[in-house]
Amino acid sequence: MISLRKLDVFVQVAQQGQITRVAESLGLTQSAVSMALSSLENLHGGPLFHRQGRRLLLNEQGRRLLPMAVGLVQDMDNFRRMLEDAHDQPSGHLHVGASTTIGNYLLPLLVADFTRRYPQATIQLQVGNTEQIEQAVDEGQLDVGLIEGPCHLERLECRFWRDDELVVIVGPQHPWCSAVSVDRSTLLDGQWMMREIGSGTREVFEAALGRDVQKLDSVVELGHTEAIKKAVQAGLGVSCLSRLAVQTELEQGWLVAVKTPLDLTRQLSVLISPGRYQGRLLQSWIEAIDKAVVATLG
């Protein structure tokens, strides 16, 4: 028998490629995920995946079935949300994705406030870089995403949420602290601590440098904002991060923001898939985060 749970497992494994990750995201055991896949493959009469190391990759038959499975799972998800909208208050589960700065420094308080206001609602927050969040929204893994910088998938609905500012930061003992302003040539000679490619923060910084980005003397990639802050504070280099992420450190004097000629303003945006049912829960979430921005500006 084909169940929606089995189809959901099939879709998740096709998208994520690893049984372990799918088991964690769906709250199942690895054996339950494997059994669901085996059941579908038995019904099909042959394998739907082939193994490449630890990853499962769709074969030709699996690729043919995936679009239909995605459509069925999304239709049922939309149906469930329509039923949930019959409640007086927003209820159910909302899968929210956010790029690193937003997810770590803006959303925790917003999620806590939202779930206190609507106790029948549950927010599942996924944090990744901008590219990862775009892909997850596009693939239907997320109901809504919040990203830094521009959206690269035109088929997604993308709208402005709020402004943000990046700042070039150094440790309190760094030579740049004594400069009134740091010019481009000096910036290019810095030992830069940067987020990975795919990060919205890195993309905005490199766009501000323009062609000069190829002249950066040295770049060390660190995958987490907190690691970058600690490295800069220790005097190991310089970086460019959102003011949201370094506000406490700037106030305490652990980091110093230096003036530069670069335009480091950017927009934070909300992403929604056009095919996603925008029920009461999703609408209430968007209204809540919009009101939070107005309250902050006020």
C-alpha atoms as a PDB file:
ATOM      1  CA  MET A   1       0.000   0.000   0.000  1.00  0.00           C
ATOM      2  CA  ILE A   2       1.220   3.494  -0.861  1.00  0.00           C
ATOM      3  CA  SER A   3       0.849   5.946   2.010  1.00  0.00           C
ATOM      4  CA  LEU A   4       1.574   9.660   2.131  1.00  0.00           C
ATOM      5  CA  ARG A   5       4.169   8.973   4.815  1.00  0.00           C
ATOM      6  CA  LYS A   6       6.069   6.704   2.412  1.00  0.00           C
ATOM      7  CA  LEU A   7       5.830   9.307  -0.349  1.00  0.00           C
ATOM      8  CA  ASP A   8       7.057  11.988   2.051  1.00  0.00           C
ATOM      9  CA  VAL A   9      10.041   9.810   2.984  1.00  0.00           C
ATOM     10  CA  PHE A  10      10.779   9.208  -0.706  1.00  0.00           C
ATOM     11  CA  VAL A  11      10.690  12.950  -1.456  1.00  0.00           C
ATOM     12  CA  GLN A  12      12.848  13.848   1.548  1.00  0.00           C
ATOM     13  CA  VAL A  13      15.489  11.246   0.727  1.00  0.00           C
ATOM     14  CA  ALA A  14      15.521  12.401  -2.902  1.00  0.00           C
ATOM     15  CA  GLN A  15      16.091  15.990  -1.760  1.00  0.00           C
ATOM     16  CA  GLN A  16      18.516  15.407   1.108  1.00  0.00           C
ATOM     17  CA  GLY A  17      20.319  12.296  -0.079  1.00  0.00           C
ATOM     18  CA  GLN A  18      20.927  10.752   3.347  1.00  0.00           C
ATOM     19  CA  ILE A  19      18.704   8.500   5.435  1.00  0.00           C
ATOM     20  CA  THR A  20      20.176   9.875   8.673  1.00  0.00           C
ATOM     21  CA  ARG A  21      19.172  13.464   7.896  1.00  0.00           C
ATOM     22  CA  VAL A  22      15.694  12.448   6.785  1.00  0.00           C
ATOM     23  CA  ALA A  23      15.133  10.398   9.926  1.00  0.00           C
ATOM     24  CA  GLU A  24      16.080  13.399  12.073  1.00  0.00           C
ATOM     25  CA  SER A  25      13.915  15.866  10.140  1.00  0.00           C
ATOM     26  CA  LEU A  26      10.847  13.577  10.172  1.00  0.00           C
ATOM     27  CA  GLY A  27      11.289  12.303  13.720  1.00  0.00           C
ATOM     28  CA  LEU A  28      11.666   8.676  12.577  1.00  0.00           C
ATOM     29  CA  THR A  29      14.258   5.986  13.148  1.00  0.00           C
ATOM     30  CA  GLN A  30      16.689   5.212  10.351  1.00  0.00           C
ATOM     31  CA  SER A  31      15.222   1.718  10.072  1.00  0.00           C
ATOM     32  CA  ALA A  32      11.718   3.190   9.613  1.00  0.00           C
ATOM     33  CA  VAL A  33      12.986   5.377   6.772  1.00  0.00           C
ATOM     34  CA  SER A  34      14.752   2.426   5.143  1.00  0.00           C
ATOM     35  CA  MET A  35      11.627   0.263   5.457  1.00  0.00           C
ATOM     36  CA  ALA A  36       9.465   2.954   3.840  1.00  0.00           C
ATOM     37  CA  LEU A  37      11.853   3.184   0.890  1.00  0.00           C
ATOM     38  CA  SER A  38      12.044  -0.597   0.567  1.00  0.00           C
ATOM     39  CA  SER A  39       8.252  -0.831   0.561  1.00  0.00           C
ATOM     40  CA  LEU A  40       7.968   1.685  -2.284  1.00  0.00           C
ATOM     41  CA  GLU A  41      10.708  -0.043  -4.262  1.00  0.00           C
ATOM     42  CA  ASN A  42       8.964  -3.403  -3.797  1.00  0.00           C
ATOM     43  CA  LEU A  43       5.710  -1.904  -5.092  1.00  0.00           C
ATOM     44  CA  HIS A  44       7.599  -0.426  -8.028  1.00  0.00           C
ATOM     45  CA  GLY A  45       9.360  -3.688  -8.753  1.00  0.00           C
ATOM     46  CA  GLY A  46      12.862  -2.311  -8.682  1.00  0.00           C
ATOM     47  CA  PRO A  47      15.214   0.219  -7.054  1.00  0.00           C
ATOM     48  CA  LEU A  48      14.532   3.978  -7.175  1.00  0.00           C
ATOM     49  CA  PHE A  49      17.971   5.031  -5.903  1.00  0.00           C
ATOM     50  CA  HIS A  50      21.596   4.093  -6.363  1.00  0.00           C
ATOM     51  CA  ARG A  51      24.273   4.571  -3.720  1.00  0.00           C
ATOM     52  CA  GLN A  52      27.283   6.852  -4.105  1.00  0.00           C
ATOM     53  CA  GLY A  53      29.322   6.531  -0.962  1.00  0.00           C
ATOM     54  CA  ARG A  54      26.990   7.452   1.909  1.00  0.00           C
ATOM     55  CA  ARG A  55      24.529   9.260  -0.348  1.00  0.00           C
ATOM     56  CA  LEU A  56      21.404   7.975  -2.069  1.00  0.00           C
ATOM     57  CA  LEU A  57      20.883   9.366  -5.564  1.00  0.00           C
ATOM     58  CA  LEU A  58      17.759   8.926  -7.682  1.00  0.00           C
ATOM     59  CA  ASN A  59      18.052   6.626 -10.661  1.00  0.00           C
ATOM     60  CA  GLU A  60      16.105   7.159 -13.886  1.00  0.00           C
ATOM     61  CA  GLN A  61      12.907   5.595 -12.503  1.00  0.00           C
ATOM     62  CA  GLY A  62      13.156   7.601  -9.302  1.00  0.00           C
ATOM     63  CA  ARG A  63      13.579  10.870 -11.215  1.00  0.00           C
ATOM     64  CA  ARG A  64      10.477  10.051 -13.250  1.00  0.00           C
ATOM     65  CA  LEU A  65       8.344   9.479 -10.139  1.00  0.00           C
ATOM     66  CA  LEU A  66       9.666  12.389  -8.040  1.00  0.00           C
ATOM     67  CA  PRO A  67       7.566  15.248  -9.538  1.00  0.00           C
ATOM     68  CA  MET A  68       4.341  13.300  -8.984  1.00  0.00           C
ATOM     69  CA  ALA A  69       5.333  12.436  -5.416  1.00  0.00           C
ATOM     70  CA  VAL A  70       6.217  16.070  -4.650  1.00  0.00           C
ATOM     71  CA  GLY A  71       2.844  17.193  -6.001  1.00  0.00           C
ATOM     72  CA  LEU A  72       0.913  14.664  -3.906  1.00  0.00           C
ATOM     73  CA  VAL A  73       2.795  15.535  -0.719  1.00  0.00           C
ATOM     74  CA  GLN A  74       2.324  19.264  -1.286  1.00  0.00           C
ATOM     75  CA  ASP A  75      -1.388  18.824  -2.036  1.00  0.00           C
ATOM     76  CA  MET A  76      -1.880  16.918   1.211  1.00  0.00           C
ATOM     77  CA  ASP A  77       0.131  19.515   3.118  1.00  0.00           C
ATOM     78  CA  ASN A  78      -2.068  22.263   1.690  1.00  0.00           C
ATOM     79  CA  PHE A  79      -5.194  20.244   2.559  1.00  0.00           C
ATOM     80  CA  ARG A  80      -3.996  19.824   6.145  1.00  0.00           C
ATOM     81  CA  ARG A  81      -3.358  23.554   6.447  1.00  0.00           C
ATOM     82  CA  MET A  82      -6.828  24.353   5.148  1.00  0.00           C
ATOM     83  CA  LEU A  83      -8.285  22.111   7.871  1.00  0.00           C
ATOM     84  CA  GLU A  84      -6.137  23.812  10.499  1.00  0.00           C
ATOM     85  CA  ASP A  85      -7.454  27.207   9.368  1.00  0.00           C
ATOM     86  CA  ALA A  86     -10.863  26.214  10.724  1.00  0.00           C
ATOM     87  CA  HIS A  87      -9.554  26.917  14.246  1.00  0.00           C
ATOM     88  CA  ASP A  88     -10.218  30.278  15.885  1.00  0.00           C
ATOM     89  CA  GLN A  89      -6.492  30.909  16.281  1.00  0.00           C
ATOM     90  CA  PRO A  90      -3.533  30.056  14.046  1.00  0.00           C
ATOM     91  CA  SER A  91      -2.506  26.478  14.754  1.00  0.00           C
ATOM     92  CA  GLY A  92      -0.338  23.719  13.360  1.00  0.00           C
ATOM     93  CA  HIS A  93       3.305  23.474  12.329  1.00  0.00           C
ATOM     94  CA  LEU A  94       5.115  26.125  10.306  1.00  0.00           C
ATOM     95  CA  HIS A  95       8.514  25.387   8.783  1.00  0.00           C
ATOM     96  CA  VAL A  96      10.515  28.627   8.754  1.00  0.00           C
ATOM     97  CA  GLY A  97      13.980  28.963   7.261  1.00  0.00           C
ATOM     98  CA  ALA A  98      16.405  31.810   7.817  1.00  0.00           C
ATOM     99  CA  SER A  99      19.885  32.680   6.691  1.00  0.00           C
ATOM    100  CA  THR A 100      22.477  32.773   9.458  1.00  0.00           C
ATOM    101  CA  THR A 101      22.327  36.378  10.650  1.00  0.00           C
ATOM    102  CA  ILE A 102      18.527  36.465  10.688  1.00  0.00           C
ATOM    103  CA  GLY A 103      18.173  33.012  12.216  1.00  0.00           C
ATOM    104  CA  ASN A 104      20.659  33.606  15.015  1.00  0.00           C
ATOM    105  CA  TYR A 105      20.118  37.276  15.900  1.00  0.00           C
ATOM    106  CA  LEU A 106      16.566  38.237  14.918  1.00  0.00           C
ATOM    107  CA  LEU A 107      14.252  35.230  14.867  1.00  0.00           C
ATOM    108  CA  PRO A 108      14.695  33.587  18.293  1.00  0.00           C
ATOM    109  CA  LEU A 109      12.813  36.389  20.084  1.00  0.00           C
ATOM    110  CA  LEU A 110      10.218  36.643  17.292  1.00  0.00           C
ATOM    111  CA  VAL A 111       9.550  32.892  17.411  1.00  0.00           C
ATOM    112  CA  ALA A 112       9.230  32.947  21.205  1.00  0.00           C
ATOM    113  CA  ASP A 113       6.812  35.880  21.086  1.00  0.00           C
ATOM    114  CA  PHE A 114       4.743  34.288  18.322  1.00  0.00           C
ATOM    115  CA  THR A 115       4.356  30.917  20.067  1.00  0.00           C
ATOM    116  CA  ARG A 116       3.422  32.630  23.342  1.00  0.00           C
ATOM    117  CA  ARG A 117       0.709  34.539  21.511  1.00  0.00           C
ATOM    118  CA  TYR A 118      -0.521  31.488  19.600  1.00  0.00           C
ATOM    119  CA  PRO A 119       0.056  28.420  21.833  1.00  0.00           C
ATOM    120  CA  GLN A 120      -1.510  26.054  19.279  1.00  0.00           C
ATOM    121  CA  ALA A 121       1.174  26.974  16.729  1.00  0.00           C
ATOM    122  CA  THR A 122       4.617  25.416  16.475  1.00  0.00           C
ATOM    123  CA  ILE A 123       7.516  27.031  14.605  1.00  0.00           C
ATOM    124  CA  GLN A 124      10.273  24.739  13.340  1.00  0.00           C
ATOM    125  CA  LEU A 125      13.269  26.921  12.527  1.00  0.00           C
ATOM    126  CA  GLN A 126      15.979  25.870  10.065  1.00  0.00           C
ATOM    127  CA  VAL A 127      19.103  28.024   9.802  1.00  0.00           C
ATOM    128  CA  GLY A 128      21.505  27.921   6.843  1.00  0.00           C
ATOM    129  CA  ASN A 129      23.143  30.267   4.384  1.00  0.00           C
ATOM    130  CA  THR A 130      21.057  32.208   1.861  1.00  0.00           C
ATOM    131  CA  GLU A 131      21.593  29.699  -0.957  1.00  0.00           C
ATOM    132  CA  GLN A 132      20.501  26.780   1.240  1.00  0.00           C
ATOM    133  CA  ILE A 133      17.336  28.562   2.390  1.00  0.00           C
ATOM    134  CA  GLU A 134      16.385  29.482  -1.190  1.00  0.00           C
ATOM    135  CA  GLN A 135      16.716  25.870  -2.278  1.00  0.00           C
ATOM    136  CA  ALA A 136      14.710  24.558   0.683  1.00  0.00           C
ATOM    137  CA  VAL A 137      11.836  26.974  -0.025  1.00  0.00           C
ATOM    138  CA  ASP A 138      11.931  26.091  -3.725  1.00  0.00           C
ATOM    139  CA  GLU A 139      11.851  22.359  -2.976  1.00  0.00           C
ATOM    140  CA  GLY A 140       8.915  22.706  -0.577  1.00  0.00           C
ATOM    141  CA  GLN A 141      10.873  21.788   2.565  1.00  0.00           C
ATOM    142  CA  LEU A 142      10.121  25.230   4.047  1.00  0.00           C
ATOM    143  CA  ASP A 143       6.883  27.208   4.153  1.00  0.00           C
ATOM    144  CA  VAL A 144       8.689  30.549   4.246  1.00  0.00           C
ATOM    145  CA  GLY A 145      12.280  31.767   4.226  1.00  0.00           C
ATOM    146  CA  LEU A 146      14.031  34.928   5.343  1.00  0.00           C
ATOM    147  CA  ILE A 147      17.288  35.752   3.593  1.00  0.00           C
ATOM    148  CA  GLU A 148      20.046  38.343   3.426  1.00  0.00           C
ATOM    149  CA  GLY A 149      20.868  39.892   0.082  1.00  0.00           C
ATOM    150  CA  PRO A 150      19.289  39.186  -3.308  1.00  0.00           C
ATOM    151  CA  CYS A 151      17.247  36.117  -4.238  1.00  0.00           C
ATOM    152  CA  HIS A 152      18.676  34.089  -7.120  1.00  0.00           C
ATOM    153  CA  LEU A 153      15.588  32.007  -7.956  1.00  0.00           C
ATOM    154  CA  GLU A 154      13.167  34.123  -9.971  1.00  0.00           C
ATOM    155  CA  ARG A 155      10.333  31.605  -9.592  1.00  0.00           C
ATOM    156  CA  LEU A 156      10.139  32.334  -5.857  1.00  0.00           C
ATOM    157  CA  GLU A 157       8.021  35.179  -4.507  1.00  0.00           C
ATOM    158  CA  CYS A 158      10.489  37.573  -2.866  1.00  0.00           C
ATOM    159  CA  ARG A 159       9.538  40.773  -1.055  1.00  0.00           C
ATOM    160  CA  PHE A 160      11.379  43.331   1.047  1.00  0.00           C
ATOM    161  CA  TRP A 161      11.265  42.806   4.818  1.00  0.00           C
ATOM    162  CA  ARG A 162      13.709  45.247   6.435  1.00  0.00           C
ATOM    163  CA  ASP A 163      17.042  47.004   5.950  1.00  0.00           C
ATOM    164  CA  ASP A 164      20.349  45.836   7.373  1.00  0.00           C
ATOM    165  CA  GLU A 165      23.887  47.208   7.519  1.00  0.00           C
ATOM    166  CA  LEU A 166      27.203  45.416   7.341  1.00  0.00           C
ATOM    167  CA  VAL A 167      30.251  46.768   9.152  1.00  0.00           C
ATOM    168  CA  VAL A 168      33.955  46.078   8.773  1.00  0.00           C
ATOM    169  CA  ILE A 169      35.223  44.929  12.160  1.00  0.00           C
ATOM    170  CA  VAL A 170      38.658  44.559  13.749  1.00  0.00           C
ATOM    171  CA  GLY A 171      39.982  43.626  17.179  1.00  0.00           C
ATOM    172  CA  PRO A 172      40.614  46.445  19.690  1.00  0.00           C
ATOM    173  CA  GLN A 173      44.403  46.221  19.205  1.00  0.00           C
ATOM    174  CA  HIS A 174      44.325  46.197  15.401  1.00  0.00           C
ATOM    175  CA  PRO A 175      46.238  49.033  13.587  1.00  0.00           C
ATOM    176  CA  TRP A 176      43.095  50.042  11.669  1.00  0.00           C
ATOM    177  CA  CYS A 177      41.489  51.218  14.933  1.00  0.00           C
ATOM    178  CA  SER A 178      43.528  54.410  14.847  1.00  0.00           C
ATOM    179  CA  ALA A 179      42.547  55.314  11.263  1.00  0.00           C
ATOM    180  CA  VAL A 180      39.837  57.883  10.564  1.00  0.00           C
ATOM    181  CA  SER A 181      38.841  55.769   7.564  1.00  0.00           C
ATOM    182  CA  VAL A 182      40.320  52.704   5.876  1.00  0.00           C
ATOM    183  CA  ASP A 183      40.712  53.107   2.105  1.00  0.00           C
ATOM    184  CA  ARG A 184      40.233  50.417  -0.529  1.00  0.00           C
ATOM    185  CA  SER A 185      43.896  49.591  -1.013  1.00  0.00           C
ATOM    186  CA  THR A 186      44.352  49.044   2.720  1.00  0.00           C
ATOM    187  CA  LEU A 187      41.223  46.885   2.876  1.00  0.00           C
ATOM    188  CA  LEU A 188      42.582  44.660   0.120  1.00  0.00           C
ATOM    189  CA  ASP A 189      45.736  43.994   2.165  1.00  0.00           C
ATOM    190  CA  GLY A 190      43.778  42.759   5.201  1.00  0.00           C
ATOM    191  CA  GLN A 191      43.757  39.199   6.531  1.00  0.00           C
ATOM    192  CA  TRP A 192      40.058  38.528   5.934  1.00  0.00           C
ATOM    193  CA  MET A 193      37.909  36.094   7.884  1.00  0.00           C
ATOM    194  CA  MET A 194      34.872  35.389   5.700  1.00  0.00           C
ATOM    195  CA  ARG A 195      31.764  33.236   5.613  1.00  0.00           C
ATOM    196  CA  GLU A 196      31.553  30.460   3.017  1.00  0.00           C
ATOM    197  CA  ILE A 197      30.462  30.986  -0.592  1.00  0.00           C
ATOM    198  CA  GLY A 198      26.652  31.005  -0.641  1.00  0.00           C
ATOM    199  CA  SER A 199      26.463  33.319   2.359  1.00  0.00           C
ATOM    200  CA  GLY A 200      24.422  36.479   1.804  1.00  0.00           C
ATOM    201  CA  THR A 201      26.825  38.460   3.988  1.00  0.00           C
ATOM    202  CA  ARG A 202      29.810  37.465   1.883  1.00  0.00           C
ATOM    203  CA  GLU A 203      27.946  38.162  -1.353  1.00  0.00           C
ATOM    204  CA  VAL A 204      27.067  41.730  -0.302  1.00  0.00           C
ATOM    205  CA  PHE A 205      30.632  42.425   0.824  1.00  0.00           C
ATOM    206  CA  GLU A 206      32.125  41.122  -2.424  1.00  0.00           C
ATOM    207  CA  ALA A 207      29.589  43.098  -4.460  1.00  0.00           C
ATOM    208  CA  ALA A 208      30.641  46.248  -2.595  1.00  0.00           C
ATOM    209  CA  LEU A 209      34.274  45.598  -3.539  1.00  0.00           C
ATOM    210  CA  GLY A 210      33.350  45.008  -7.174  1.00  0.00           C
ATOM    211  CA  ARG A 211      36.270  44.011  -9.375  1.00  0.00           C
ATOM    212  CA  ASP A 212      38.662  44.616  -6.493  1.00  0.00           C
ATOM    213  CA  VAL A 213      37.440  41.429  -4.806  1.00  0.00           C
ATOM    214  CA  GLN A 214      39.971  39.527  -6.937  1.00  0.00           C
ATOM    215  CA  LYS A 215      42.739  41.542  -5.302  1.00  0.00           C
ATOM    216  CA  LEU A 216      42.013  40.450  -1.727  1.00  0.00           C
ATOM    217  CA  ASP A 217      45.369  39.513  -0.288  1.00  0.00           C
ATOM    218  CA  SER A 218      44.191  36.686   1.971  1.00  0.00           C
ATOM    219  CA  VAL A 219      40.840  35.073   2.783  1.00  0.00           C
ATOM    220  CA  VAL A 220      40.178  32.447   5.448  1.00  0.00           C
ATOM    221  CA  GLU A 221      36.729  30.830   5.313  1.00  0.00           C
ATOM    222  CA  LEU A 222      34.945  30.095   8.576  1.00  0.00           C
ATOM    223  CA  GLY A 223      31.482  28.557   8.470  1.00  0.00           C
ATOM    224  CA  HIS A 224      30.011  30.273  11.520  1.00  0.00           C
ATOM    225  CA  THR A 225      29.603  33.932  12.464  1.00  0.00           C
ATOM    226  CA  GLU A 226      30.554  33.328  16.109  1.00  0.00           C
ATOM    227  CA  ALA A 227      33.842  31.725  15.049  1.00  0.00           C
ATOM    228  CA  ILE A 228      34.614  34.745  12.873  1.00  0.00           C
ATOM    229  CA  LYS A 229      33.897  37.156  15.723  1.00  0.00           C
ATOM    230  CA  LYS A 230      36.182  35.254  18.105  1.00  0.00           C
ATOM    231  CA  ALA A 231      38.998  35.121  15.533  1.00  0.00           C
ATOM    232  CA  VAL A 232      38.772  38.859  14.841  1.00  0.00           C
ATOM    233  CA  GLN A 233      38.580  39.671  18.541  1.00  0.00           C
ATOM    234  CA  ALA A 234      41.741  37.636  19.077  1.00  0.00           C
ATOM    235  CA  GLY A 235      43.546  39.705  16.445  1.00  0.00           C
ATOM    236  CA  LEU A 236      43.771  36.982  13.809  1.00  0.00           C
ATOM    237  CA  GLY A 237      42.263  39.115  11.051  1.00  0.00           C
ATOM    238  CA  VAL A 238      39.432  41.406   9.997  1.00  0.00           C
ATOM    239  CA  SER A 239      35.916  40.726   8.760  1.00  0.00           C
ATOM    240  CA  CYS A 240      32.653  42.199   7.528  1.00  0.00           C
ATOM    241  CA  LEU A 241      29.475  41.162   9.336  1.00  0.00           C
ATOM    242  CA  SER A 242      25.987  42.431   9.976  1.00  0.00           C
ATOM    243  CA  ARG A 243      25.731  45.056  12.711  1.00  0.00           C
ATOM    244  CA  LEU A 244      22.976  42.856  14.154  1.00  0.00           C
ATOM    245  CA  ALA A 245      25.529  40.111  14.749  1.00  0.00           C
ATOM    246  CA  VAL A 246      28.199  42.274  16.409  1.00  0.00           C
ATOM    247  CA  GLN A 247      26.174  44.892  18.298  1.00  0.00           C
ATOM    248  CA  THR A 248      26.961  43.475  21.737  1.00  0.00           C
ATOM    249  CA  GLU A 249      30.675  43.139  20.987  1.00  0.00           C
ATOM    250  CA  LEU A 250      30.829  46.717  19.675  1.00  0.00           C
ATOM    251  CA  GLU A 251      29.081  48.059  22.768  1.00  0.00           C
ATOM    252  CA  GLN A 252      31.464  46.139  25.054  1.00  0.00           C
ATOM    253  CA  GLY A 253      34.551  47.232  23.122  1.00  0.00           C
ATOM    254  CA  TRP A 254      35.517  43.668  22.228  1.00  0.00           C
ATOM    255  CA  LEU A 255      35.297  44.574  18.529  1.00  0.00           C
ATOM    256  CA  VAL A 256      35.675  47.892  16.707  1.00  0.00           C
ATOM    257  CA  ALA A 257      33.791  49.002  13.575  1.00  0.00           C
ATOM    258  CA  VAL A 258      35.999  50.944  11.165  1.00  0.00           C
ATOM    259  CA  LYS A 259      34.823  53.447   8.601  1.00  0.00           C
ATOM    260  CA  THR A 260      35.312  52.529   4.927  1.00  0.00           C
ATOM    261  CA  PRO A 261      34.244  53.932   1.529  1.00  0.00           C
ATOM    262  CA  LEU A 262      32.174  50.794   0.801  1.00  0.00           C
ATOM    263  CA  ASP A 263      28.379  50.791   0.506  1.00  0.00           C
ATOM    264  CA  LEU A 264      27.455  47.964   2.875  1.00  0.00           C
ATOM    265  CA  THR A 265      23.702  48.443   3.176  1.00  0.00           C
ATOM    266  CA  ARG A 266      21.436  45.590   2.149  1.00  0.00           C
ATOM    267  CA  GLN A 267      17.867  44.341   2.245  1.00  0.00           C
ATOM    268  CA  LEU A 268      16.515  41.377   4.153  1.00  0.00           C
ATOM    269  CA  SER A 269      13.749  39.581   2.265  1.00  0.00           C
ATOM    270  CA  VAL A 270      10.879  37.132   2.746  1.00  0.00           C
ATOM    271  CA  LEU A 271      10.677  34.148   0.358  1.00  0.00           C
ATOM    272  CA  ILE A 272       7.556  32.104  -0.402  1.00  0.00           C
ATOM    273  CA  SER A 273       6.934  29.506  -3.082  1.00  0.00           C
ATOM    274  CA  PRO A 274       4.047  30.638  -5.350  1.00  0.00           C
ATOM    275  CA  GLY A 275       2.511  27.147  -5.103  1.00  0.00           C
ATOM    276  CA  ARG A 276       2.466  27.149  -1.300  1.00  0.00           C
ATOM    277  CA  TYR A 277      -0.950  27.469   0.360  1.00  0.00           C
ATOM    278  CA  GLN A 278      -0.826  30.676   2.411  1.00  0.00           C
ATOM    279  CA  GLY A 279      -3.163  29.787   5.239  1.00  0.00           C
ATOM    280  CA  ARG A 280      -3.923  31.581   8.464  1.00  0.00           C
ATOM    281  CA  LEU A 281      -0.778  30.355  10.238  1.00  0.00           C
ATOM    282  CA  LEU A 282       1.603  31.557   7.525  1.00  0.00           C
ATOM    283  CA  GLN A 283      -0.259  34.856   7.124  1.00  0.00           C
ATOM    284  CA  SER A 284      -0.192  35.426  10.898  1.00  0.00           C
ATOM    285  CA  TRP A 285       3.559  34.749  10.993  1.00  0.00           C
ATOM    286  CA  ILE A 286       4.261  37.249   8.218  1.00  0.00           C
ATOM    287  CA  GLU A 287       2.056  39.850   9.905  1.00  0.00           C
ATOM    288  CA  ALA A 288       3.907  39.274  13.186  1.00  0.00           C
ATOM    289  CA  ILE A 289       7.405  39.742  11.760  1.00  0.00           C
ATOM    290  CA  ASP A 290       6.263  42.828   9.823  1.00  0.00           C
ATOM    291  CA  LYS A 291       4.829  44.364  13.008  1.00  0.00           C
ATOM    292  CA  ALA A 292       8.070  43.615  14.834  1.00  0.00           C
ATOM    293  CA  VAL A 293       9.989  45.633  12.248  1.00  0.00           C
ATOM    294  CA  VAL A 294       7.590  48.580  12.600  1.00  0.00           C
ATOM    295  CA  ALA A 295       7.920  48.445  16.384  1.00  0.00           C
ATOM    296  CA  THR A 296      11.733  48.443  16.111  1.00  0.00           C
ATOM    297  CA  LEU A 297      11.752  51.417  13.752  1.00  0.00           C
ATOM    298  CA  GLY A 298       9.247  53.255  15.933  1.00  0.00           C
END
